[in-house]
Amino acid sequence: TACAVVLSAGIGERFISPGAVAKTFLGMGDPGDDLIIMSFRMPRILVALFAGICLAAAGSILQGLIRNPLASPDIIGVTG
């Protein structure tokens, strides 16, 4: 996931190399890159990360409640 975060922080209208992204994360980056990464791209990355975590937890809870490792939403009528 760390590689995905670094790549996602570098991809955008203005490409920032992974090395520059790593320097920015360590506090030694260019101020312009710091503004772009920390102010604009990191909130998007964090929201995506937390949304993925929540979806994974919801799926795990659903499968635990149904006690079926291959549970799908149509089993409990969620598809309608």
PDB file of N, CA and C in Angstrom:
ATOM      1  N   THR A   1       0.802  -1.194   0.000  1.00  0.00           N
ATOM      2  CA  THR A   1       0.000   0.000   0.000  1.00  0.00           C
ATOM      3  C   THR A   1       0.849   1.263   0.000  1.00  0.00           C
ATOM      4  N   ALA A   2       2.049   1.172   0.558  1.00  0.00           N
ATOM      5  CA  ALA A   2       2.920   2.349   0.582  1.00  0.00           C
ATOM      6  C   ALA A   2       3.303   2.767  -0.834  1.00  0.00           C
ATOM      7  N   CYS A   3       3.561   1.798  -1.695  1.00  0.00           N
ATOM      8  CA  CYS A   3       3.886   2.114  -3.092  1.00  0.00           C
ATOM      9  C   CYS A   3       2.697   2.758  -3.788  1.00  0.00           C
ATOM     10  N   ALA A   4       1.501   2.276  -3.516  1.00  0.00           N
ATOM     11  CA  ALA A   4       0.303   2.848  -4.125  1.00  0.00           C
ATOM     12  C   ALA A   4       0.078   4.278  -3.648  1.00  0.00           C
ATOM     13  N   VAL A   5       0.357   4.557  -2.384  1.00  0.00           N
ATOM     14  CA  VAL A   5       0.209   5.907  -1.852  1.00  0.00           C
ATOM     15  C   VAL A   5       1.209   6.849  -2.514  1.00  0.00           C
ATOM     16  N   VAL A   6       2.458   6.411  -2.646  1.00  0.00           N
ATOM     17  CA  VAL A   6       3.491   7.247  -3.272  1.00  0.00           C
ATOM     18  C   VAL A   6       3.153   7.503  -4.731  1.00  0.00           C
ATOM     19  N   LEU A   7       2.730   6.472  -5.446  1.00  0.00           N
ATOM     20  CA  LEU A   7       2.386   6.656  -6.855  1.00  0.00           C
ATOM     21  C   LEU A   7       1.151   7.539  -7.021  1.00  0.00           C
ATOM     22  N   SER A   8       0.158   7.363  -6.166  1.00  0.00           N
ATOM     23  CA  SER A   8      -1.052   8.168  -6.254  1.00  0.00           C
ATOM     24  C   SER A   8      -0.771   9.629  -5.910  1.00  0.00           C
ATOM     25  N   ALA A   9       0.144   9.863  -4.994  1.00  0.00           N
ATOM     26  CA  ALA A   9       0.495  11.235  -4.634  1.00  0.00           C
ATOM     27  C   ALA A   9       1.265  11.925  -5.755  1.00  0.00           C
ATOM     28  N   GLY A  10       1.901  11.165  -6.619  1.00  0.00           N
ATOM     29  CA  GLY A  10       2.670  11.750  -7.708  1.00  0.00           C
ATOM     30  C   GLY A  10       1.908  11.925  -8.994  1.00  0.00           C
ATOM     31  N   ILE A  11       0.790  11.219  -9.140  1.00  0.00           N
ATOM     32  CA  ILE A  11       0.039  11.259 -10.397  1.00  0.00           C
ATOM     33  C   ILE A  11      -1.034  12.342 -10.306  1.00  0.00           C
ATOM     34  N   GLY A  12      -1.089  13.160 -11.327  1.00  0.00           N
ATOM     35  CA  GLY A  12      -2.087  14.218 -11.389  1.00  0.00           C
ATOM     36  C   GLY A  12      -1.822  15.096 -12.590  1.00  0.00           C
ATOM     37  N   GLU A  13      -2.413  16.289 -12.586  1.00  0.00           N
ATOM     38  CA  GLU A  13      -2.186  17.212 -13.695  1.00  0.00           C
ATOM     39  C   GLU A  13      -0.715  17.567 -13.803  1.00  0.00           C
ATOM     40  N   ARG A  14      -0.060  17.698 -12.652  1.00  0.00           N
ATOM     41  CA  ARG A  14       1.389  17.914 -12.619  1.00  0.00           C
ATOM     42  C   ARG A  14       2.030  16.663 -12.027  1.00  0.00           C
ATOM     43  N   PHE A  15       2.793  15.944 -12.844  1.00  0.00           N
ATOM     44  CA  PHE A  15       3.437  14.714 -12.387  1.00  0.00           C
ATOM     45  C   PHE A  15       4.582  15.061 -11.446  1.00  0.00           C
ATOM     46  N   ILE A  16       4.658  14.355 -10.330  1.00  0.00           N
ATOM     47  CA  ILE A  16       5.748  14.502  -9.372  1.00  0.00           C
ATOM     48  C   ILE A  16       6.397  13.133  -9.229  1.00  0.00           C
ATOM     49  N   SER A  17       7.703  13.086  -9.387  1.00  0.00           N
ATOM     50  CA  SER A  17       8.402  11.799  -9.363  1.00  0.00           C
ATOM     51  C   SER A  17       8.278  11.151  -7.984  1.00  0.00           C
ATOM     52  N   PRO A  18       8.354   9.820  -7.945  1.00  0.00           N
ATOM     53  CA  PRO A  18       8.270   9.134  -6.646  1.00  0.00           C
ATOM     54  C   PRO A  18       9.361   9.563  -5.667  1.00  0.00           C
ATOM     55  N   GLY A  19      10.540   9.884  -6.180  1.00  0.00           N
ATOM     56  CA  GLY A  19      11.605  10.370  -5.299  1.00  0.00           C
ATOM     57  C   GLY A  19      11.250  11.700  -4.656  1.00  0.00           C
ATOM     58  N   ALA A  20      10.660  12.601  -5.450  1.00  0.00           N
ATOM     59  CA  ALA A  20      10.244  13.897  -4.912  1.00  0.00           C
ATOM     60  C   ALA A  20       9.097  13.729  -3.915  1.00  0.00           C
ATOM     61  N   VAL A  21       8.212  12.768  -4.177  1.00  0.00           N
ATOM     62  CA  VAL A  21       7.116  12.496  -3.233  1.00  0.00           C
ATOM     63  C   VAL A  21       7.683  11.984  -1.914  1.00  0.00           C
ATOM     64  N   ALA A  22       8.651  11.080  -1.983  1.00  0.00           N
ATOM     65  CA  ALA A  22       9.275  10.549  -0.764  1.00  0.00           C
ATOM     66  C   ALA A  22       9.975  11.661   0.008  1.00  0.00           C
ATOM     67  N   LYS A  23      10.667  12.558  -0.693  1.00  0.00           N
ATOM     68  CA  LYS A  23      11.319  13.687  -0.027  1.00  0.00           C
ATOM     69  C   LYS A  23      10.293  14.590   0.651  1.00  0.00           C
ATOM     70  N   THR A  24       9.166  14.786  -0.010  1.00  0.00           N
ATOM     71  CA  THR A  24       8.110  15.618   0.572  1.00  0.00           C
ATOM     72  C   THR A  24       7.551  14.962   1.825  1.00  0.00           C
ATOM     73  N   PHE A  25       7.359  13.651   1.804  1.00  0.00           N
ATOM     74  CA  PHE A  25       6.868  12.947   2.989  1.00  0.00           C
ATOM     75  C   PHE A  25       7.852  13.053   4.146  1.00  0.00           C
ATOM     76  N   LEU A  26       9.143  13.122   3.831  1.00  0.00           N
ATOM     77  CA  LEU A  26      10.171  13.226   4.864  1.00  0.00           C
ATOM     78  C   LEU A  26      10.432  14.661   5.292  1.00  0.00           C
ATOM     79  N   GLY A  27       9.771  15.629   4.640  1.00  0.00           N
ATOM     80  CA  GLY A  27       9.930  17.023   5.019  1.00  0.00           C
ATOM     81  C   GLY A  27      11.073  17.738   4.335  1.00  0.00           C
ATOM     82  N   MET A  28      11.670  17.132   3.315  1.00  0.00           N
ATOM     83  CA  MET A  28      12.805  17.743   2.632  1.00  0.00           C
ATOM     84  C   MET A  28      12.479  18.086   1.186  1.00  0.00           C
ATOM     85  N   GLY A  29      11.208  18.154   0.834  1.00  0.00           N
ATOM     86  CA  GLY A  29      10.808  18.372  -0.546  1.00  0.00           C
ATOM     87  C   GLY A  29      10.673  19.837  -0.906  1.00  0.00           C
ATOM     88  N   ASP A  30      10.382  20.072  -2.154  1.00  0.00           N
ATOM     89  CA  ASP A  30      10.151  21.409  -2.681  1.00  0.00           C
ATOM     90  C   ASP A  30       8.854  21.965  -2.084  1.00  0.00           C
ATOM     91  N   PRO A  31       8.812  23.259  -1.728  1.00  0.00           N
ATOM     92  CA  PRO A  31       7.571  23.816  -1.161  1.00  0.00           C
ATOM     93  C   PRO A  31       6.366  23.715  -2.095  1.00  0.00           C
ATOM     94  N   GLY A  32       6.583  23.826  -3.406  1.00  0.00           N
ATOM     95  CA  GLY A  32       5.476  23.678  -4.350  1.00  0.00           C
ATOM     96  C   GLY A  32       4.932  22.262  -4.361  1.00  0.00           C
ATOM     97  N   ASP A  33       5.839  21.286  -4.352  1.00  0.00           N
ATOM     98  CA  ASP A  33       5.416  19.889  -4.288  1.00  0.00           C
ATOM     99  C   ASP A  33       4.716  19.599  -2.970  1.00  0.00           C
ATOM    100  N   ASP A  34       5.220  20.200  -1.899  1.00  0.00           N
ATOM    101  CA  ASP A  34       4.614  20.003  -0.583  1.00  0.00           C
ATOM    102  C   ASP A  34       3.174  20.500  -0.572  1.00  0.00           C
ATOM    103  N   LEU A  35       2.938  21.660  -1.159  1.00  0.00           N
ATOM    104  CA  LEU A  35       1.583  22.204  -1.231  1.00  0.00           C
ATOM    105  C   LEU A  35       0.664  21.292  -2.024  1.00  0.00           C
ATOM    106  N   ILE A  36       1.118  20.843  -3.186  1.00  0.00           N
ATOM    107  CA  ILE A  36       0.290  19.996  -4.042  1.00  0.00           C
ATOM    108  C   ILE A  36      -0.017  18.666  -3.372  1.00  0.00           C
ATOM    109  N   ILE A  37       1.013  18.041  -2.822  1.00  0.00           N
ATOM    110  CA  ILE A  37       0.827  16.702  -2.254  1.00  0.00           C
ATOM    111  C   ILE A  37       0.030  16.736  -0.954  1.00  0.00           C
ATOM    112  N   MET A  38       0.458  17.558  -0.023  1.00  0.00           N
ATOM    113  CA  MET A  38      -0.178  17.546   1.298  1.00  0.00           C
ATOM    114  C   MET A  38      -1.553  18.222   1.332  1.00  0.00           C
ATOM    115  N   SER A  39      -1.761  19.233   0.511  1.00  0.00           N
ATOM    116  CA  SER A  39      -3.032  19.963   0.569  1.00  0.00           C
ATOM    117  C   SER A  39      -4.091  19.412  -0.374  1.00  0.00           C
ATOM    118  N   PHE A  40      -3.667  18.923  -1.532  1.00  0.00           N
ATOM    119  CA  PHE A  40      -4.640  18.517  -2.537  1.00  0.00           C
ATOM    120  C   PHE A  40      -4.744  17.010  -2.706  1.00  0.00           C
ATOM    121  N   ARG A  41      -3.623  16.329  -2.723  1.00  0.00           N
ATOM    122  CA  ARG A  41      -3.654  14.895  -3.050  1.00  0.00           C
ATOM    123  C   ARG A  41      -3.779  13.993  -1.835  1.00  0.00           C
ATOM    124  N   MET A  42      -3.201  14.350  -0.695  1.00  0.00           N
ATOM    125  CA  MET A  42      -3.283  13.476   0.476  1.00  0.00           C
ATOM    126  C   MET A  42      -4.705  13.322   1.009  1.00  0.00           C
ATOM    127  N   PRO A  43      -5.525  14.377   1.039  1.00  0.00           N
ATOM    128  CA  PRO A  43      -6.910  14.146   1.486  1.00  0.00           C
ATOM    129  C   PRO A  43      -7.637  13.131   0.610  1.00  0.00           C
ATOM    130  N   ARG A  44      -7.423  13.193  -0.704  1.00  0.00           N
ATOM    131  CA  ARG A  44      -8.051  12.233  -1.629  1.00  0.00           C
ATOM    132  C   ARG A  44      -7.553  10.824  -1.337  1.00  0.00           C
ATOM    133  N   ILE A  45      -6.274  10.682  -1.104  1.00  0.00           N
ATOM    134  CA  ILE A  45      -5.689   9.369  -0.829  1.00  0.00           C
ATOM    135  C   ILE A  45      -6.219   8.814   0.494  1.00  0.00           C
ATOM    136  N   LEU A  46      -6.284   9.657   1.519  1.00  0.00           N
ATOM    137  CA  LEU A  46      -6.752   9.190   2.826  1.00  0.00           C
ATOM    138  C   LEU A  46      -8.226   8.801   2.800  1.00  0.00           C
ATOM    139  N   VAL A  47      -9.046   9.560   2.084  1.00  0.00           N
ATOM    140  CA  VAL A  47     -10.467   9.204   1.976  1.00  0.00           C
ATOM    141  C   VAL A  47     -10.616   7.861   1.263  1.00  0.00           C
ATOM    142  N   ALA A  48      -9.854   7.656   0.193  1.00  0.00           N
ATOM    143  CA  ALA A  48      -9.918   6.382  -0.527  1.00  0.00           C
ATOM    144  C   ALA A  48      -9.446   5.231   0.359  1.00  0.00           C
ATOM    145  N   LEU A  49      -8.393   5.463   1.129  1.00  0.00           N
ATOM    146  CA  LEU A  49      -7.865   4.425   2.019  1.00  0.00           C
ATOM    147  C   LEU A  49      -8.889   4.051   3.096  1.00  0.00           C
ATOM    148  N   PHE A  50      -9.482   5.056   3.730  1.00  0.00           N
ATOM    149  CA  PHE A  50     -10.466   4.779   4.783  1.00  0.00           C
ATOM    150  C   PHE A  50     -11.747   4.178   4.223  1.00  0.00           C
ATOM    151  N   ALA A  51     -12.150   4.578   3.027  1.00  0.00           N
ATOM    152  CA  ALA A  51     -13.329   3.971   2.398  1.00  0.00           C
ATOM    153  C   ALA A  51     -13.082   2.489   2.122  1.00  0.00           C
ATOM    154  N   GLY A  52     -11.897   2.158   1.649  1.00  0.00           N
ATOM    155  CA  GLY A  52     -11.546   0.758   1.414  1.00  0.00           C
ATOM    156  C   GLY A  52     -11.527  -0.048   2.703  1.00  0.00           C
ATOM    157  N   ILE A  53     -10.994   0.549   3.748  1.00  0.00           N
ATOM    158  CA  ILE A  53     -10.968  -0.131   5.051  1.00  0.00           C
ATOM    159  C   ILE A  53     -12.383  -0.387   5.547  1.00  0.00           C
ATOM    160  N   CYS A  54     -13.260   0.611   5.408  1.00  0.00           N
ATOM    161  CA  CYS A  54     -14.650   0.456   5.859  1.00  0.00           C
ATOM    162  C   CYS A  54     -15.396  -0.595   5.049  1.00  0.00           C
ATOM    163  N   LEU A  55     -15.180  -0.622   3.733  1.00  0.00           N
ATOM    164  CA  LEU A  55     -15.827  -1.645   2.913  1.00  0.00           C
ATOM    165  C   LEU A  55     -15.334  -3.042   3.269  1.00  0.00           C
ATOM    166  N   ALA A  56     -14.051  -3.171   3.539  1.00  0.00           N
ATOM    167  CA  ALA A  56     -13.510  -4.473   3.930  1.00  0.00           C
ATOM    168  C   ALA A  56     -14.082  -4.920   5.275  1.00  0.00           C
ATOM    169  N   ALA A  57     -14.188  -3.983   6.210  1.00  0.00           N
ATOM    170  CA  ALA A  57     -14.753  -4.330   7.513  1.00  0.00           C
ATOM    171  C   ALA A  57     -16.225  -4.706   7.392  1.00  0.00           C
ATOM    172  N   ALA A  58     -16.967  -3.990   6.560  1.00  0.00           N
ATOM    173  CA  ALA A  58     -18.384  -4.312   6.370  1.00  0.00           C
ATOM    174  C   ALA A  58     -18.546  -5.701   5.750  1.00  0.00           C
ATOM    175  N   GLY A  59     -17.739  -6.032   4.780  1.00  0.00           N
ATOM    176  CA  GLY A  59     -17.796  -7.364   4.178  1.00  0.00           C
ATOM    177  C   GLY A  59     -17.445  -8.456   5.168  1.00  0.00           C
ATOM    178  N   SER A  60     -16.446  -8.182   5.992  1.00  0.00           N
ATOM    179  CA  SER A  60     -16.049  -9.160   6.999  1.00  0.00           C
ATOM    180  C   SER A  60     -17.155  -9.366   8.039  1.00  0.00           C
ATOM    181  N   ILE A  61     -17.775  -8.290   8.469  1.00  0.00           N
ATOM    182  CA  ILE A  61     -18.872  -8.398   9.439  1.00  0.00           C
ATOM    183  C   ILE A  61     -20.051  -9.149   8.833  1.00  0.00           C
ATOM    184  N   LEU A  62     -20.394  -8.841   7.583  1.00  0.00           N
ATOM    185  CA  LEU A  62     -21.500  -9.531   6.907  1.00  0.00           C
ATOM    186  C   LEU A  62     -21.243 -11.030   6.826  1.00  0.00           C
ATOM    187  N   GLN A  63     -20.044 -11.401   6.441  1.00  0.00           N
ATOM    188  CA  GLN A  63     -19.734 -12.828   6.336  1.00  0.00           C
ATOM    189  C   GLN A  63     -19.694 -13.491   7.702  1.00  0.00           C
ATOM    190  N   GLY A  64     -19.281 -12.746   8.727  1.00  0.00           N
ATOM    191  CA  GLY A  64     -19.277 -13.305  10.077  1.00  0.00           C
ATOM    192  C   GLY A  64     -20.673 -13.515  10.622  1.00  0.00           C
ATOM    193  N   LEU A  65     -21.581 -12.587  10.327  1.00  0.00           N
ATOM    194  CA  LEU A  65     -22.955 -12.726  10.807  1.00  0.00           C
ATOM    195  C   LEU A  65     -23.691 -13.859  10.116  1.00  0.00           C
ATOM    196  N   ILE A  66     -23.465 -14.018   8.836  1.00  0.00           N
ATOM    197  CA  ILE A  66     -24.146 -15.065   8.077  1.00  0.00           C
ATOM    198  C   ILE A  66     -23.468 -16.421   8.292  1.00  0.00           C
ATOM    199  N   ARG A  67     -22.258 -16.408   8.768  1.00  0.00           N
ATOM    200  CA  ARG A  67     -21.453 -17.619   8.995  1.00  0.00           C
ATOM    201  C   ARG A  67     -21.246 -18.410   7.716  1.00  0.00           C
ATOM    202  N   ASN A  68     -21.063 -17.680   6.633  1.00  0.00           N
ATOM    203  CA  ASN A  68     -20.813 -18.302   5.340  1.00  0.00           C
ATOM    204  C   ASN A  68     -19.627 -17.570   4.711  1.00  0.00           C
ATOM    205  N   PRO A  69     -18.505 -18.246   4.515  1.00  0.00           N
ATOM    206  CA  PRO A  69     -17.342 -17.560   3.948  1.00  0.00           C
ATOM    207  C   PRO A  69     -17.559 -17.102   2.508  1.00  0.00           C
ATOM    208  N   LEU A  70     -18.574 -17.618   1.844  1.00  0.00           N
ATOM    209  CA  LEU A  70     -18.862 -17.211   0.475  1.00  0.00           C
ATOM    210  C   LEU A  70     -20.156 -16.414   0.398  1.00  0.00           C
ATOM    211  N   ALA A  71     -20.431 -15.640   1.435  1.00  0.00           N
ATOM    212  CA  ALA A  71     -21.686 -14.887   1.501  1.00  0.00           C
ATOM    213  C   ALA A  71     -21.718 -13.811   0.427  1.00  0.00           C
ATOM    214  N   SER A  72     -22.900 -13.594  -0.106  1.00  0.00           N
ATOM    215  CA  SER A  72     -23.092 -12.533  -1.082  1.00  0.00           C
ATOM    216  C   SER A  72     -24.326 -11.735  -0.673  1.00  0.00           C
ATOM    217  N   PRO A  73     -24.440 -10.487  -1.120  1.00  0.00           N
ATOM    218  CA  PRO A  73     -25.562  -9.650  -0.681  1.00  0.00           C
ATOM    219  C   PRO A  73     -26.943 -10.210  -1.032  1.00  0.00           C
ATOM    220  N   ASP A  74     -27.059 -10.974  -2.107  1.00  0.00           N
ATOM    221  CA  ASP A  74     -28.390 -11.471  -2.481  1.00  0.00           C
ATOM    222  C   ASP A  74     -28.907 -12.540  -1.522  1.00  0.00           C
ATOM    223  N   ILE A  75     -28.061 -13.118  -0.710  1.00  0.00           N
ATOM    224  CA  ILE A  75     -28.500 -14.132   0.251  1.00  0.00           C
ATOM    225  C   ILE A  75     -29.432 -13.509   1.295  1.00  0.00           C
ATOM    226  N   ILE A  76     -29.155 -12.290   1.702  1.00  0.00           N
ATOM    227  CA  ILE A  76     -30.007 -11.650   2.709  1.00  0.00           C
ATOM    228  C   ILE A  76     -30.977 -10.655   2.085  1.00  0.00           C
ATOM    229  N   GLY A  77     -31.054 -10.602   0.766  1.00  0.00           N
ATOM    230  CA  GLY A  77     -32.034  -9.767   0.084  1.00  0.00           C
ATOM    231  C   GLY A  77     -31.624  -8.321  -0.070  1.00  0.00           C
ATOM    232  N   VAL A  78     -30.334  -8.037  -0.106  1.00  0.00           N
ATOM    233  CA  VAL A  78     -29.863  -6.668  -0.234  1.00  0.00           C
ATOM    234  C   VAL A  78     -29.883  -6.205  -1.679  1.00  0.00           C
ATOM    235  N   THR A  79     -29.976  -7.104  -2.637  1.00  0.00           N
ATOM    236  CA  THR A  79     -29.912  -6.727  -4.033  1.00  0.00           C
ATOM    237  C   THR A  79     -31.143  -5.964  -4.498  1.00  0.00           C
ATOM    238  N   GLY A  80     -32.266  -6.154  -3.854  1.00  0.00           N
ATOM    239  CA  GLY A  80     -33.507  -5.496  -4.250  1.00  0.00           C
ATOM    240  C   GLY A  80     -33.579  -4.160  -3.696  1.00  0.00           C
TER     241      GLY A  80
END
